[in-house]
C-alpha cells in the first residue's frame, strides 16, 4: 500500500529523502503512517514521533500520505514536516477538517507543516522528476524543489554523492541538467 509504511507508532527521522510511489494505482501512497495495530482481540496503540526535513513525498495518486491517529489524545502523536514538497489534491474536501493534513494548517499536538510546498493540483508544484516510471527521481533544474531545503538540517551530499549547493534542493537528489530520461 505504501513505499514507506510506519505502523504502530515509533520514532522516525527522515532527512533529504525522496519518498515516491508511481505504481499506477490511486490507492497506493508514498507514505503511510499510524499509531496502532488492530488485531481480532485488541487495538494496540503506541506513541508516534516522525520528523521529515527537506523531503519530497509525491506519487501517482492525488494524496501522497495516508495518516491515521486512532488513539486520539491517549498517546503522543507528532508528525513534523519541515521544508518538504507534498502532494495533496483534495477535490472532494475529505481532508479539509482533518488536523493531520496540511490543508488545515498547523496543529503542533498532531501534525505541523513548516515552510512546506503543497501540490494542490496535478499541474502545480510538481517535483519535475526526470522519469518517475523508470524510478529516475532526479529532479530537473526547473523543479519547485530546487533551492528550497533548509541548510541547518540538510545532508551534505545527495544519494549519488554530489555535494549540495549553498541553496540546497529538497529530496534525495541534487538537480541535474542532463540526467538520463
N, C-alpha and C. Protein backbone atom coordinates (compact mmCIF):
# COMPACT_ATOMS: atom_id res chain seq x y z
N UNK A 1 0.80 -1.20 0.00
CA UNK A 1 0.00 0.00 0.00
C UNK A 1 0.84 1.27 0.00
N UNK A 2 2.08 1.19 0.44
CA UNK A 2 2.89 2.41 0.57
C UNK A 2 4.36 2.10 0.31
N UNK A 3 5.06 3.11 -0.17
CA UNK A 3 6.51 2.97 -0.33
C UNK A 3 7.20 2.95 1.02
N UNK A 4 6.75 3.78 1.95
CA UNK A 4 7.24 3.79 3.32
C UNK A 4 6.02 3.67 4.23
N UNK A 5 6.01 2.64 5.07
CA UNK A 5 4.90 2.42 5.99
C UNK A 5 5.43 2.41 7.42
N UNK A 6 4.95 3.33 8.22
CA UNK A 6 5.33 3.45 9.62
C UNK A 6 4.12 3.06 10.45
N UNK A 7 4.07 1.79 10.86
CA UNK A 7 2.91 1.27 11.56
C UNK A 7 3.15 1.15 13.05
N UNK A 8 2.13 1.33 13.82
CA UNK A 8 2.11 1.16 15.27
C UNK A 8 3.13 2.05 15.98
N UNK A 9 3.14 3.30 15.57
CA UNK A 9 3.99 4.26 16.26
C UNK A 9 5.46 4.10 15.98
N UNK A 10 6.27 4.65 16.88
CA UNK A 10 7.72 4.61 16.73
C UNK A 10 8.30 6.01 16.67
N UNK A 11 9.63 6.06 16.57
CA UNK A 11 10.35 7.33 16.44
C UNK A 11 11.11 7.28 15.13
N UNK A 12 10.89 8.28 14.26
CA UNK A 12 11.47 8.28 12.92
C UNK A 12 11.99 9.66 12.58
N UNK A 13 13.12 9.68 11.87
CA UNK A 13 13.69 10.92 11.35
C UNK A 13 14.11 10.69 9.90
N UNK A 14 13.55 11.48 9.00
CA UNK A 14 13.88 11.40 7.58
C UNK A 14 14.43 12.75 7.16
N UNK A 15 15.60 12.72 6.51
CA UNK A 15 16.24 13.96 6.10
C UNK A 15 16.68 13.84 4.64
N UNK A 16 16.28 14.79 3.84
CA UNK A 16 16.61 14.82 2.41
C UNK A 16 16.25 13.49 1.73
N UNK A 17 15.04 13.04 1.94
CA UNK A 17 14.56 11.80 1.33
C UNK A 17 13.59 12.11 0.20
N UNK A 18 13.56 11.24 -0.77
CA UNK A 18 12.53 11.26 -1.79
C UNK A 18 11.71 10.00 -1.58
N UNK A 19 10.47 10.18 -1.20
CA UNK A 19 9.55 9.06 -0.96
C UNK A 19 8.49 9.16 -2.05
N UNK A 20 8.53 8.23 -2.99
CA UNK A 20 7.65 8.30 -4.16
C UNK A 20 6.96 6.98 -4.39
N UNK A 21 5.80 7.05 -5.07
CA UNK A 21 5.08 5.84 -5.44
C UNK A 21 4.37 6.10 -6.77
N UNK A 22 4.81 5.41 -7.80
CA UNK A 22 4.25 5.55 -9.14
C UNK A 22 3.78 4.20 -9.66
N UNK A 23 3.04 3.46 -8.84
CA UNK A 23 2.58 2.13 -9.22
C UNK A 23 1.42 2.17 -10.20
N UNK A 24 0.79 3.32 -10.37
CA UNK A 24 -0.34 3.42 -11.28
C UNK A 24 -1.67 3.13 -10.63
N UNK A 25 -1.69 3.00 -9.32
CA UNK A 25 -2.93 2.73 -8.59
C UNK A 25 -3.18 3.88 -7.62
N UNK A 26 -4.38 4.44 -7.66
CA UNK A 26 -4.68 5.59 -6.82
C UNK A 26 -4.77 5.27 -5.34
N UNK A 27 -4.91 3.99 -4.96
CA UNK A 27 -4.96 3.67 -3.54
C UNK A 27 -3.57 3.38 -2.96
N UNK A 28 -2.54 3.51 -3.75
CA UNK A 28 -1.16 3.37 -3.28
C UNK A 28 -0.62 4.77 -2.95
N UNK A 29 0.08 4.90 -1.84
CA UNK A 29 0.63 6.19 -1.43
C UNK A 29 2.13 6.07 -1.18
N UNK A 30 2.84 7.16 -1.29
CA UNK A 30 4.26 7.12 -0.93
C UNK A 30 4.48 6.88 0.57
N UNK A 31 3.67 7.53 1.43
CA UNK A 31 3.89 7.45 2.88
C UNK A 31 2.59 7.08 3.59
N UNK A 32 2.65 6.03 4.41
CA UNK A 32 1.54 5.67 5.29
C UNK A 32 2.07 5.65 6.72
N UNK A 33 1.31 6.26 7.62
CA UNK A 33 1.81 6.38 8.99
C UNK A 33 0.62 6.30 9.96
N UNK A 34 0.77 5.46 11.00
CA UNK A 34 -0.28 5.40 12.01
C UNK A 34 0.30 5.06 13.38
N UNK A 35 -0.58 5.07 14.37
CA UNK A 35 -0.19 4.86 15.76
C UNK A 35 -0.79 3.59 16.36
N UNK A 36 -1.21 2.65 15.52
CA UNK A 36 -1.91 1.49 16.07
C UNK A 36 -1.64 0.20 15.29
N UNK A 37 -2.02 -0.89 15.93
CA UNK A 37 -2.08 -2.21 15.32
C UNK A 37 -3.40 -2.81 15.79
N UNK A 38 -4.23 -3.19 14.85
CA UNK A 38 -5.52 -3.77 15.20
C UNK A 38 -5.49 -5.27 14.95
N UNK A 39 -5.81 -6.03 16.00
CA UNK A 39 -5.91 -7.49 15.89
C UNK A 39 -7.38 -7.88 16.09
N UNK A 40 -7.65 -9.17 16.01
CA UNK A 40 -9.02 -9.63 16.27
C UNK A 40 -9.47 -9.31 17.68
N UNK A 41 -8.50 -9.28 18.61
CA UNK A 41 -8.84 -9.13 20.03
C UNK A 41 -8.63 -7.75 20.61
N UNK A 42 -7.81 -6.94 19.96
CA UNK A 42 -7.46 -5.68 20.61
C UNK A 42 -7.00 -4.62 19.61
N UNK A 43 -7.03 -3.39 20.09
CA UNK A 43 -6.44 -2.26 19.38
C UNK A 43 -5.23 -1.83 20.20
N UNK A 44 -4.04 -2.01 19.66
CA UNK A 44 -2.80 -1.68 20.37
C UNK A 44 -2.29 -0.36 19.82
N UNK A 45 -2.15 0.64 20.69
CA UNK A 45 -1.69 1.96 20.26
C UNK A 45 -0.32 2.26 20.86
N UNK A 46 0.46 3.02 20.13
CA UNK A 46 1.82 3.37 20.57
C UNK A 46 2.13 4.81 20.17
N UNK A 47 2.99 5.45 20.94
CA UNK A 47 3.43 6.81 20.62
C UNK A 47 4.05 6.85 19.23
N UNK A 48 3.85 7.96 18.55
CA UNK A 48 4.44 8.17 17.23
C UNK A 48 5.07 9.54 17.20
N UNK A 49 6.34 9.59 16.83
CA UNK A 49 7.05 10.83 16.59
C UNK A 49 7.81 10.67 15.28
N UNK A 50 7.45 11.47 14.30
CA UNK A 50 8.10 11.38 12.99
C UNK A 50 8.44 12.78 12.49
N UNK A 51 9.68 12.95 12.06
CA UNK A 51 10.13 14.24 11.54
C UNK A 51 10.65 14.04 10.13
N UNK A 52 10.19 14.89 9.23
CA UNK A 52 10.61 14.86 7.83
C UNK A 52 11.19 16.23 7.50
N UNK A 53 12.48 16.29 7.23
CA UNK A 53 13.16 17.54 6.87
C UNK A 53 13.65 17.46 5.43
N UNK A 54 13.32 18.48 4.64
CA UNK A 54 13.83 18.62 3.27
C UNK A 54 13.47 17.44 2.38
N UNK A 55 12.30 16.89 2.54
CA UNK A 55 11.88 15.69 1.80
C UNK A 55 10.90 16.02 0.67
N UNK A 56 10.85 15.13 -0.31
CA UNK A 56 9.81 15.15 -1.33
C UNK A 56 8.97 13.90 -1.10
N UNK A 57 7.67 14.09 -0.92
CA UNK A 57 6.74 12.98 -0.73
C UNK A 57 5.67 13.16 -1.80
N UNK A 58 5.73 12.32 -2.84
CA UNK A 58 4.95 12.58 -4.04
C UNK A 58 4.68 11.27 -4.76
N UNK A 59 3.57 11.22 -5.51
CA UNK A 59 3.27 10.00 -6.24
C UNK A 59 2.21 10.16 -7.30
N UNK A 60 1.79 9.04 -7.85
CA UNK A 60 0.83 8.98 -8.93
C UNK A 60 -0.56 9.44 -8.50
N UNK A 61 -0.98 9.03 -7.32
CA UNK A 61 -2.31 9.37 -6.82
C UNK A 61 -2.41 10.82 -6.38
N UNK A 62 -3.62 11.21 -5.98
CA UNK A 62 -3.86 12.59 -5.57
C UNK A 62 -3.32 12.93 -4.20
N UNK A 63 -3.13 11.92 -3.35
CA UNK A 63 -2.69 12.15 -1.97
C UNK A 63 -1.38 11.41 -1.75
N UNK A 64 -0.39 12.10 -1.23
CA UNK A 64 0.91 11.47 -1.04
C UNK A 64 1.08 10.82 0.33
N UNK A 65 0.11 11.02 1.24
CA UNK A 65 0.24 10.48 2.58
C UNK A 65 -1.08 9.91 3.08
N UNK A 66 -1.01 8.79 3.78
CA UNK A 66 -2.16 8.24 4.49
C UNK A 66 -1.80 8.28 5.97
N UNK A 67 -2.35 9.24 6.69
CA UNK A 67 -2.01 9.47 8.10
C UNK A 67 -3.21 9.11 8.97
N UNK A 68 -2.96 8.32 10.02
CA UNK A 68 -4.04 7.92 10.92
C UNK A 68 -3.61 8.08 12.38
N UNK A 69 -4.50 8.64 13.17
CA UNK A 69 -4.32 8.79 14.61
C UNK A 69 -5.54 8.18 15.28
N UNK A 70 -5.48 6.89 15.60
CA UNK A 70 -6.62 6.18 16.19
C UNK A 70 -6.74 6.40 17.69
N UNK A 71 -5.64 6.68 18.36
CA UNK A 71 -5.66 6.80 19.81
C UNK A 71 -6.14 8.16 20.29
N UNK A 72 -6.25 9.11 19.40
CA UNK A 72 -6.65 10.45 19.82
C UNK A 72 -5.59 11.06 20.71
N UNK A 73 -5.99 11.58 21.87
CA UNK A 73 -5.04 12.21 22.79
C UNK A 73 -4.53 11.26 23.86
N UNK A 74 -4.88 9.97 23.76
CA UNK A 74 -4.42 8.99 24.75
C UNK A 74 -2.91 8.82 24.74
N UNK A 75 -2.30 8.99 23.58
CA UNK A 75 -0.85 8.83 23.43
C UNK A 75 -0.31 10.02 22.65
N UNK A 76 1.00 10.07 22.52
CA UNK A 76 1.62 11.15 21.76
C UNK A 76 1.63 10.78 20.27
N UNK A 77 1.18 11.70 19.46
CA UNK A 77 1.22 11.56 18.01
C UNK A 77 1.73 12.88 17.47
N UNK A 78 2.97 12.88 16.98
CA UNK A 78 3.56 14.11 16.45
C UNK A 78 4.25 13.83 15.13
N UNK A 79 3.74 14.44 14.11
CA UNK A 79 4.34 14.36 12.79
C UNK A 79 4.75 15.78 12.40
N UNK A 80 6.03 15.94 12.06
CA UNK A 80 6.53 17.26 11.69
C UNK A 80 7.12 17.19 10.29
N UNK A 81 6.67 18.09 9.45
CA UNK A 81 7.15 18.20 8.08
C UNK A 81 7.75 19.58 7.93
N UNK A 82 9.06 19.63 7.71
CA UNK A 82 9.78 20.90 7.59
C UNK A 82 10.44 20.99 6.21
N UNK A 83 10.14 22.04 5.50
CA UNK A 83 10.74 22.25 4.17
C UNK A 83 10.55 21.02 3.29
N UNK A 84 9.33 20.60 3.11
CA UNK A 84 9.02 19.42 2.30
C UNK A 84 8.12 19.79 1.13
N UNK A 85 8.18 18.98 0.08
CA UNK A 85 7.25 19.07 -1.04
C UNK A 85 6.29 17.89 -0.91
N UNK A 86 4.99 18.19 -0.77
CA UNK A 86 3.97 17.18 -0.52
C UNK A 86 2.86 17.31 -1.57
N UNK A 87 2.22 16.21 -1.87
CA UNK A 87 1.09 16.24 -2.80
C UNK A 87 -0.21 15.97 -2.06
N UNK A 88 -1.16 16.91 -2.18
CA UNK A 88 -2.48 16.75 -1.59
C UNK A 88 -3.50 17.44 -2.49
N UNK A 89 -4.00 16.68 -3.45
CA UNK A 89 -5.04 17.18 -4.35
C UNK A 89 -6.36 16.72 -3.73
N UNK A 90 -7.03 17.63 -3.06
CA UNK A 90 -8.21 17.30 -2.28
C UNK A 90 -9.48 17.78 -2.98
N UNK A 91 -9.84 17.14 -4.10
CA UNK A 91 -11.00 17.55 -4.88
C UNK A 91 -12.30 17.48 -4.08
N UNK A 92 -12.45 16.49 -3.25
CA UNK A 92 -13.71 16.28 -2.52
C UNK A 92 -13.70 16.88 -1.11
N UNK A 93 -12.67 17.60 -0.75
CA UNK A 93 -12.53 18.23 0.57
C UNK A 93 -12.58 17.23 1.73
N UNK A 94 -12.14 16.00 1.49
CA UNK A 94 -12.17 15.00 2.56
C UNK A 94 -11.11 15.25 3.63
N UNK A 95 -10.09 16.05 3.31
CA UNK A 95 -9.03 16.33 4.29
C UNK A 95 -9.16 17.74 4.87
N UNK A 96 -10.16 18.45 4.46
CA UNK A 96 -10.34 19.84 4.82
C UNK A 96 -10.32 20.08 6.33
N UNK A 97 -10.99 19.24 7.09
CA UNK A 97 -11.07 19.41 8.54
C UNK A 97 -10.25 18.38 9.31
N UNK A 98 -9.33 17.72 8.62
CA UNK A 98 -8.50 16.71 9.27
C UNK A 98 -7.20 17.37 9.73
N UNK A 99 -6.96 17.45 11.05
CA UNK A 99 -5.78 18.17 11.56
C UNK A 99 -4.45 17.49 11.25
N UNK A 100 -4.47 16.30 10.65
CA UNK A 100 -3.22 15.62 10.30
C UNK A 100 -2.66 16.09 8.96
N UNK A 101 -3.44 16.79 8.17
CA UNK A 101 -3.03 17.15 6.81
C UNK A 101 -2.79 18.64 6.67
N UNK A 102 -1.94 19.03 5.71
CA UNK A 102 -1.54 20.43 5.59
C UNK A 102 -2.68 21.39 5.21
N UNK A 103 -3.77 20.89 4.71
CA UNK A 103 -4.86 21.78 4.30
C UNK A 103 -5.49 22.52 5.47
N UNK A 104 -5.32 22.00 6.68
CA UNK A 104 -5.93 22.64 7.85
C UNK A 104 -4.94 23.44 8.68
N UNK A 105 -3.72 23.55 8.20
CA UNK A 105 -2.73 24.33 8.94
C UNK A 105 -1.98 23.50 9.96
N UNK A 106 -1.36 24.19 10.88
CA UNK A 106 -0.51 23.54 11.87
C UNK A 106 -1.27 23.24 13.16
N UNK A 107 -1.12 22.04 13.64
CA UNK A 107 -1.61 21.63 14.95
C UNK A 107 -0.44 20.92 15.61
N UNK A 108 0.37 21.64 16.39
CA UNK A 108 1.60 21.04 16.94
C UNK A 108 1.37 19.81 17.80
N UNK A 109 0.14 19.58 18.24
CA UNK A 109 -0.13 18.38 19.03
C UNK A 109 -0.24 17.14 18.14
N UNK A 110 -0.51 17.32 16.85
CA UNK A 110 -0.65 16.19 15.94
C UNK A 110 0.31 16.27 14.77
N UNK A 111 0.13 17.28 13.95
CA UNK A 111 0.96 17.42 12.75
C UNK A 111 1.26 18.89 12.51
N UNK A 112 2.50 19.17 12.17
CA UNK A 112 2.91 20.54 11.90
C UNK A 112 3.64 20.59 10.57
N UNK A 113 3.34 21.61 9.81
CA UNK A 113 3.92 21.81 8.48
C UNK A 113 4.58 23.17 8.46
N UNK A 114 5.92 23.19 8.35
CA UNK A 114 6.68 24.43 8.36
C UNK A 114 7.40 24.60 7.03
N UNK A 115 7.13 25.69 6.35
CA UNK A 115 7.77 26.02 5.07
C UNK A 115 7.66 24.89 4.06
N UNK A 116 6.51 24.25 4.00
CA UNK A 116 6.28 23.16 3.04
C UNK A 116 5.62 23.71 1.78
N UNK A 117 5.85 23.02 0.70
CA UNK A 117 5.21 23.33 -0.58
C UNK A 117 4.21 22.21 -0.83
N UNK A 118 2.96 22.56 -1.09
CA UNK A 118 1.94 21.55 -1.32
C UNK A 118 1.44 21.64 -2.75
N UNK A 119 1.49 20.51 -3.45
CA UNK A 119 0.91 20.41 -4.78
C UNK A 119 -0.57 20.16 -4.59
N UNK A 120 -1.40 21.14 -4.94
CA UNK A 120 -2.85 21.03 -4.73
C UNK A 120 -3.59 20.73 -6.03
N UNK A 121 -2.85 20.53 -7.10
CA UNK A 121 -3.43 20.08 -8.38
C UNK A 121 -2.37 19.27 -9.10
N UNK A 122 -2.76 18.64 -10.19
CA UNK A 122 -1.79 17.82 -10.93
C UNK A 122 -0.83 18.65 -11.76
N UNK A 123 -1.04 19.95 -11.82
CA UNK A 123 -0.18 20.81 -12.64
C UNK A 123 0.65 21.81 -11.83
N UNK A 124 0.38 21.96 -10.53
CA UNK A 124 1.12 22.93 -9.74
C UNK A 124 2.12 22.24 -8.80
N UNK A 125 3.22 22.90 -8.57
CA UNK A 125 4.23 22.46 -7.60
C UNK A 125 4.66 21.01 -7.79
N UNK A 126 4.90 20.64 -9.03
CA UNK A 126 5.37 19.28 -9.33
C UNK A 126 6.87 19.18 -9.06
N UNK A 127 7.35 18.00 -8.65
CA UNK A 127 8.79 17.86 -8.41
C UNK A 127 9.62 17.83 -9.69
N UNK A 128 8.99 17.58 -10.84
CA UNK A 128 9.70 17.50 -12.12
C UNK A 128 10.82 16.46 -12.08
N UNK A 129 10.46 15.22 -11.74
CA UNK A 129 11.41 14.11 -11.81
C UNK A 129 11.73 13.83 -13.28
N UNK A 130 12.92 13.32 -13.55
CA UNK A 130 13.28 13.01 -14.94
C UNK A 130 12.40 11.91 -15.52
N UNK A 131 12.25 10.80 -14.81
CA UNK A 131 11.40 9.72 -15.31
C UNK A 131 10.95 8.85 -14.14
N UNK A 132 9.88 9.26 -13.44
CA UNK A 132 9.45 8.51 -12.26
C UNK A 132 9.00 7.09 -12.57
N UNK A 133 8.44 6.84 -13.76
CA UNK A 133 8.00 5.49 -14.11
C UNK A 133 9.18 4.53 -14.21
N UNK A 134 10.37 5.04 -14.48
CA UNK A 134 11.58 4.21 -14.52
C UNK A 134 12.42 4.40 -13.26
N UNK A 135 11.81 4.97 -12.23
CA UNK A 135 12.46 5.19 -10.94
C UNK A 135 13.63 6.17 -11.00
N UNK A 136 13.64 7.04 -11.99
CA UNK A 136 14.64 8.10 -12.06
C UNK A 136 14.03 9.32 -11.39
N UNK A 137 14.33 9.49 -10.10
CA UNK A 137 13.73 10.54 -9.29
C UNK A 137 14.65 11.75 -9.11
N UNK A 138 15.62 11.88 -10.01
CA UNK A 138 16.45 13.09 -10.03
C UNK A 138 15.56 14.23 -10.49
N UNK A 139 15.64 15.36 -9.79
CA UNK A 139 14.80 16.49 -10.16
C UNK A 139 15.48 17.33 -11.23
N UNK A 140 14.66 17.89 -12.10
CA UNK A 140 15.14 18.77 -13.16
C UNK A 140 15.41 20.16 -12.60
N UNK A 141 16.24 20.96 -13.29
CA UNK A 141 16.56 22.31 -12.79
C UNK A 141 15.33 23.20 -12.61
N UNK A 142 14.25 22.95 -13.34
CA UNK A 142 13.04 23.78 -13.21
C UNK A 142 12.10 23.31 -12.09
N UNK A 143 12.50 22.32 -11.33
CA UNK A 143 11.66 21.79 -10.25
C UNK A 143 11.42 22.84 -9.17
N UNK A 144 10.22 22.82 -8.60
CA UNK A 144 9.89 23.70 -7.49
C UNK A 144 10.72 23.36 -6.25
N UNK A 145 11.33 22.18 -6.22
CA UNK A 145 12.14 21.72 -5.08
C UNK A 145 13.56 22.28 -5.08
N UNK A 146 13.97 22.90 -6.17
CA UNK A 146 15.33 23.42 -6.29
C UNK A 146 15.53 24.62 -5.35
N UNK A 147 16.56 24.53 -4.52
CA UNK A 147 16.92 25.63 -3.63
C UNK A 147 15.99 25.85 -2.45
N UNK A 148 15.14 24.88 -2.13
CA UNK A 148 14.16 25.07 -1.06
C UNK A 148 14.49 24.37 0.26
N UNK A 149 15.59 23.65 0.34
CA UNK A 149 15.94 22.94 1.58
C UNK A 149 16.49 23.91 2.62
N UNK A 150 16.35 23.53 3.85
CA UNK A 150 16.89 24.29 4.98
C UNK A 150 18.34 23.83 5.18
N UNK A 151 19.28 24.74 5.10
CA UNK A 151 20.70 24.38 5.22
C UNK A 151 21.05 23.86 6.62
N UNK A 152 20.28 24.24 7.63
CA UNK A 152 20.58 23.79 9.00
C UNK A 152 20.29 22.30 9.20
N UNK A 153 19.40 21.74 8.37
CA UNK A 153 19.03 20.34 8.55
C UNK A 153 19.34 19.48 7.33
N UNK A 154 20.06 20.02 6.37
CA UNK A 154 20.33 19.27 5.14
C UNK A 154 21.45 18.24 5.31
N UNK A 155 21.44 17.27 4.44
CA UNK A 155 22.51 16.30 4.32
C UNK A 155 23.51 16.89 3.32
N UNK A 156 24.81 16.79 3.60
CA UNK A 156 25.83 17.49 2.80
C UNK A 156 25.92 17.04 1.35
N UNK A 157 25.68 15.75 1.09
CA UNK A 157 25.73 15.24 -0.28
C UNK A 157 24.43 14.52 -0.60
N UNK A 158 24.14 14.39 -1.89
CA UNK A 158 22.93 13.66 -2.26
C UNK A 158 23.20 12.17 -2.28
N UNK A 159 22.22 11.38 -2.65
CA UNK A 159 22.32 9.93 -2.60
C UNK A 159 23.37 9.38 -3.57
N UNK A 160 23.71 10.17 -4.59
CA UNK A 160 24.74 9.76 -5.55
C UNK A 160 26.12 10.31 -5.20
N UNK A 161 26.21 11.08 -4.13
CA UNK A 161 27.49 11.63 -3.70
C UNK A 161 27.77 13.04 -4.19
N UNK A 162 26.83 13.66 -4.92
CA UNK A 162 27.03 15.03 -5.39
C UNK A 162 26.84 16.00 -4.23
N UNK A 163 27.73 16.99 -4.10
CA UNK A 163 27.59 17.95 -2.99
C UNK A 163 26.36 18.84 -3.20
N UNK A 164 25.75 19.22 -2.11
CA UNK A 164 24.61 20.14 -2.17
C UNK A 164 25.13 21.57 -2.26
N UNK A 165 24.41 22.40 -2.96
CA UNK A 165 24.79 23.79 -3.19
C UNK A 165 24.53 24.63 -1.95
N UNK A 166 24.95 25.89 -2.02
CA UNK A 166 24.69 26.82 -0.92
C UNK A 166 23.19 26.97 -0.67
N UNK A 167 22.39 26.91 -1.74
CA UNK A 167 20.92 26.87 -1.64
C UNK A 167 20.51 25.47 -2.05
N UNK A 168 20.47 24.53 -1.13
CA UNK A 168 20.26 23.12 -1.46
C UNK A 168 18.83 22.78 -1.89
N UNK A 169 18.72 21.64 -2.58
CA UNK A 169 17.45 21.16 -3.09
C UNK A 169 16.78 20.22 -2.09
N UNK A 170 15.47 20.10 -2.21
CA UNK A 170 14.72 19.11 -1.44
C UNK A 170 14.95 17.73 -2.04
N UNK A 171 14.76 16.71 -1.25
CA UNK A 171 14.81 15.34 -1.75
C UNK A 171 16.19 14.71 -1.68
N UNK A 172 16.24 13.49 -2.20
CA UNK A 172 17.46 12.68 -2.14
C UNK A 172 18.49 13.06 -3.18
N UNK A 173 18.05 13.71 -4.27
CA UNK A 173 18.95 14.01 -5.38
C UNK A 173 19.11 15.51 -5.59
N UNK A 174 20.33 15.92 -5.94
CA UNK A 174 20.62 17.28 -6.38
C UNK A 174 20.12 17.39 -7.81
N UNK A 175 19.51 18.50 -8.17
CA UNK A 175 19.03 18.66 -9.55
C UNK A 175 20.20 18.60 -10.52
N UNK A 176 19.92 17.99 -11.66
CA UNK A 176 20.96 17.85 -12.69
C UNK A 176 20.37 18.22 -14.04
N UNK A 177 21.14 18.98 -14.78
CA UNK A 177 20.70 19.46 -16.09
C UNK A 177 20.49 18.34 -17.09
N UNK A 178 21.36 17.34 -17.08
CA UNK A 178 21.32 16.32 -18.13
C UNK A 178 21.21 14.90 -17.60
N UNK A 179 20.37 14.70 -16.61
CA UNK A 179 20.15 13.33 -16.12
C UNK A 179 19.43 12.54 -17.21
N UNK A 180 19.72 11.27 -17.28
CA UNK A 180 19.15 10.41 -18.33
C UNK A 180 17.65 10.24 -18.16
N UNK A 181 16.91 10.49 -19.25
CA UNK A 181 15.45 10.31 -19.22
C UNK A 181 15.20 8.86 -19.06
